[in-house]
Amino acid sequence: MHIDIQARGFSLTPALFSAVESEVRAYESLFPELHASLHIRLSDVNGQRGGTDKCCLVSVRVGRRRKMVAVSDLNADMYRAIPGAFAKLERATRTLLAREHRRRMTPGVSSPEVPQER
C-alpha cells in the first residue's frame, strides 16, 4: 500500500507519522486485497487561534471501479482526529465494497450504460 502523508501549516513530527502509520497498518490488515494508495492530509485549520481545528483528511480509491472514498475528522487534538478519520474510512470502505458485492451478486442487474454522443 502506497502512503502519501502531508502536514499543512506545521511540521510532520515522528510521533504524528507513527500515529498515522499505525492506523494505516490497521486499515491495511482489514482490507489486504485493496492494494490502494492512501493520501493523508493533516492540517491546523485555525492556526494559532486554537479550538477544534485539527483536521485529518484521508482519501483512497476503492473497489473494482476505483471509486474515491474521502473522509475527514476534526478535533481539538490531532492524535484523536487521526483515528477518527480512519474509523470513518473503514466504515465507508466496508459500505462501498458491500454495495459492489451486492451489485455483482444480484441476477439481472447490469451496470448502467454510458450514453453515446451523436
Protein backbone atom coordinates (compact mmCIF):
# COMPACT_ATOMS: atom_id res chain seq x y z
CA MET A 1 0.00 0.00 0.00
CA HIS A 2 1.37 3.39 -1.01
CA ILE A 3 1.09 6.14 1.60
CA ASP A 4 1.30 9.88 0.94
CA ILE A 5 1.27 11.97 4.14
CA GLN A 6 1.40 15.74 4.14
CA ALA A 7 1.16 18.17 7.03
CA ARG A 8 -0.20 21.60 6.14
CA GLY A 9 0.70 24.55 8.33
CA PHE A 10 3.03 22.64 10.67
CA SER A 11 5.81 20.09 10.51
CA LEU A 12 5.13 16.36 10.47
CA THR A 13 6.71 15.10 13.67
CA PRO A 14 7.89 11.49 14.09
CA ALA A 15 5.10 10.97 16.65
CA LEU A 16 2.40 12.12 14.19
CA PHE A 17 3.93 10.00 11.46
CA SER A 18 3.88 7.00 13.79
CA ALA A 19 0.22 7.64 14.71
CA VAL A 20 -0.75 7.74 11.03
CA GLU A 21 1.38 4.71 10.21
CA SER A 22 -0.28 2.57 12.90
CA GLU A 23 -3.75 3.50 11.58
CA VAL A 24 -2.64 2.70 8.03
CA ARG A 25 -1.39 -0.72 9.14
CA ALA A 26 -4.70 -1.44 10.87
CA TYR A 27 -6.63 -0.38 7.75
CA GLU A 28 -4.37 -2.48 5.55
CA SER A 29 -4.90 -5.54 7.74
CA LEU A 30 -8.69 -5.12 7.41
CA PHE A 31 -8.57 -4.73 3.61
CA PRO A 32 -5.44 -6.55 2.37
CA GLU A 33 -6.88 -7.06 -1.12
CA LEU A 34 -7.17 -3.34 -1.90
CA HIS A 35 -3.55 -2.56 -2.79
CA ALA A 36 -4.54 1.08 -2.66
CA SER A 37 -2.82 4.41 -2.39
CA LEU A 38 -3.76 6.37 0.71
CA HIS A 39 -3.49 10.15 0.72
CA ILE A 40 -3.45 11.69 4.19
CA ARG A 41 -3.56 15.45 4.82
CA LEU A 42 -3.09 16.78 8.33
CA SER A 43 -3.90 20.44 8.85
CA ASP A 44 -4.45 23.05 11.51
CA VAL A 45 -7.49 24.92 10.25
CA ASN A 46 -7.41 27.92 12.61
CA GLY A 47 -3.66 28.17 13.03
CA GLN A 48 -2.61 29.73 16.35
CA ARG A 49 -6.15 30.70 17.40
CA GLY A 50 -6.85 27.25 18.87
CA GLY A 51 -10.13 25.44 19.21
CA THR A 52 -11.47 22.38 17.46
CA ASP A 53 -9.37 22.84 14.40
CA LYS A 54 -7.06 19.87 13.85
CA CYS A 55 -8.16 18.08 10.68
CA CYS A 56 -7.20 14.71 9.26
CA LEU A 57 -8.38 14.11 5.69
CA VAL A 58 -7.89 10.63 4.22
CA SER A 59 -8.69 9.58 0.65
CA VAL A 60 -8.36 6.26 -1.17
CA ARG A 61 -9.67 4.62 -4.35
CA VAL A 62 -11.70 1.50 -3.60
CA GLY A 63 -13.32 -1.37 -5.45
CA ARG A 64 -13.39 -2.58 -9.00
CA ARG A 65 -14.42 0.81 -10.31
CA ARG A 66 -11.77 2.57 -8.21
CA LYS A 67 -14.27 4.93 -6.61
CA MET A 68 -12.82 7.65 -4.45
CA VAL A 69 -13.56 7.49 -0.75
CA ALA A 70 -12.64 10.64 1.15
CA VAL A 71 -13.30 11.20 4.84
CA SER A 72 -12.17 13.71 7.42
CA ASP A 73 -12.32 14.24 11.13
CA LEU A 74 -11.99 17.49 13.04
CA ASN A 75 -10.87 17.56 16.66
CA ALA A 76 -9.01 19.77 19.13
CA ASP A 77 -6.30 17.07 19.30
CA MET A 78 -4.62 15.73 16.14
CA TYR A 79 -3.97 12.43 17.90
CA ARG A 80 -7.77 11.99 18.15
CA ALA A 81 -8.55 13.31 14.67
CA ILE A 82 -6.34 10.67 13.01
CA PRO A 83 -8.10 7.56 14.43
CA GLY A 84 -11.45 9.32 13.98
CA ALA A 85 -10.81 9.76 10.26
CA PHE A 86 -9.61 6.17 9.86
CA ALA A 87 -12.71 4.85 11.67
CA LYS A 88 -14.86 6.74 9.15
CA LEU A 89 -12.68 5.43 6.31
CA GLU A 90 -13.18 1.84 7.47
CA ARG A 91 -16.98 2.27 7.57
CA ALA A 92 -17.06 3.96 4.16
CA THR A 93 -14.84 1.29 2.61
CA ARG A 94 -16.98 -1.54 4.02
CA THR A 95 -20.13 0.15 2.72
CA LEU A 96 -18.74 0.64 -0.77
CA LEU A 97 -17.36 -2.91 -1.03
CA ALA A 98 -20.65 -4.38 0.23
CA ARG A 99 -22.59 -2.31 -2.31
CA GLU A 100 -20.33 -3.56 -5.12
CA HIS A 101 -20.66 -7.14 -3.89
CA ARG A 102 -24.47 -6.91 -3.83
CA ARG A 103 -24.48 -5.41 -7.32
CA ARG A 104 -22.36 -8.29 -8.66
CA MET A 105 -24.46 -10.93 -6.90
CA THR A 106 -27.89 -9.62 -7.92
CA PRO A 107 -29.08 -11.53 -11.02
CA GLY A 108 -30.34 -9.49 -13.92
CA VAL A 109 -28.77 -6.25 -12.78
CA SER A 110 -26.40 -4.81 -15.30
CA SER A 111 -24.16 -1.83 -15.00
CA PRO A 112 -25.61 1.44 -16.26
CA GLU A 113 -24.90 2.17 -19.87
CA VAL A 114 -22.97 5.23 -20.84
CA PRO A 115 -24.85 7.44 -23.32
CA GLN A 116 -23.06 7.74 -26.63
CA GLU A 117 -22.51 11.00 -28.43
CA ARG A 118 -24.24 11.55 -31.76
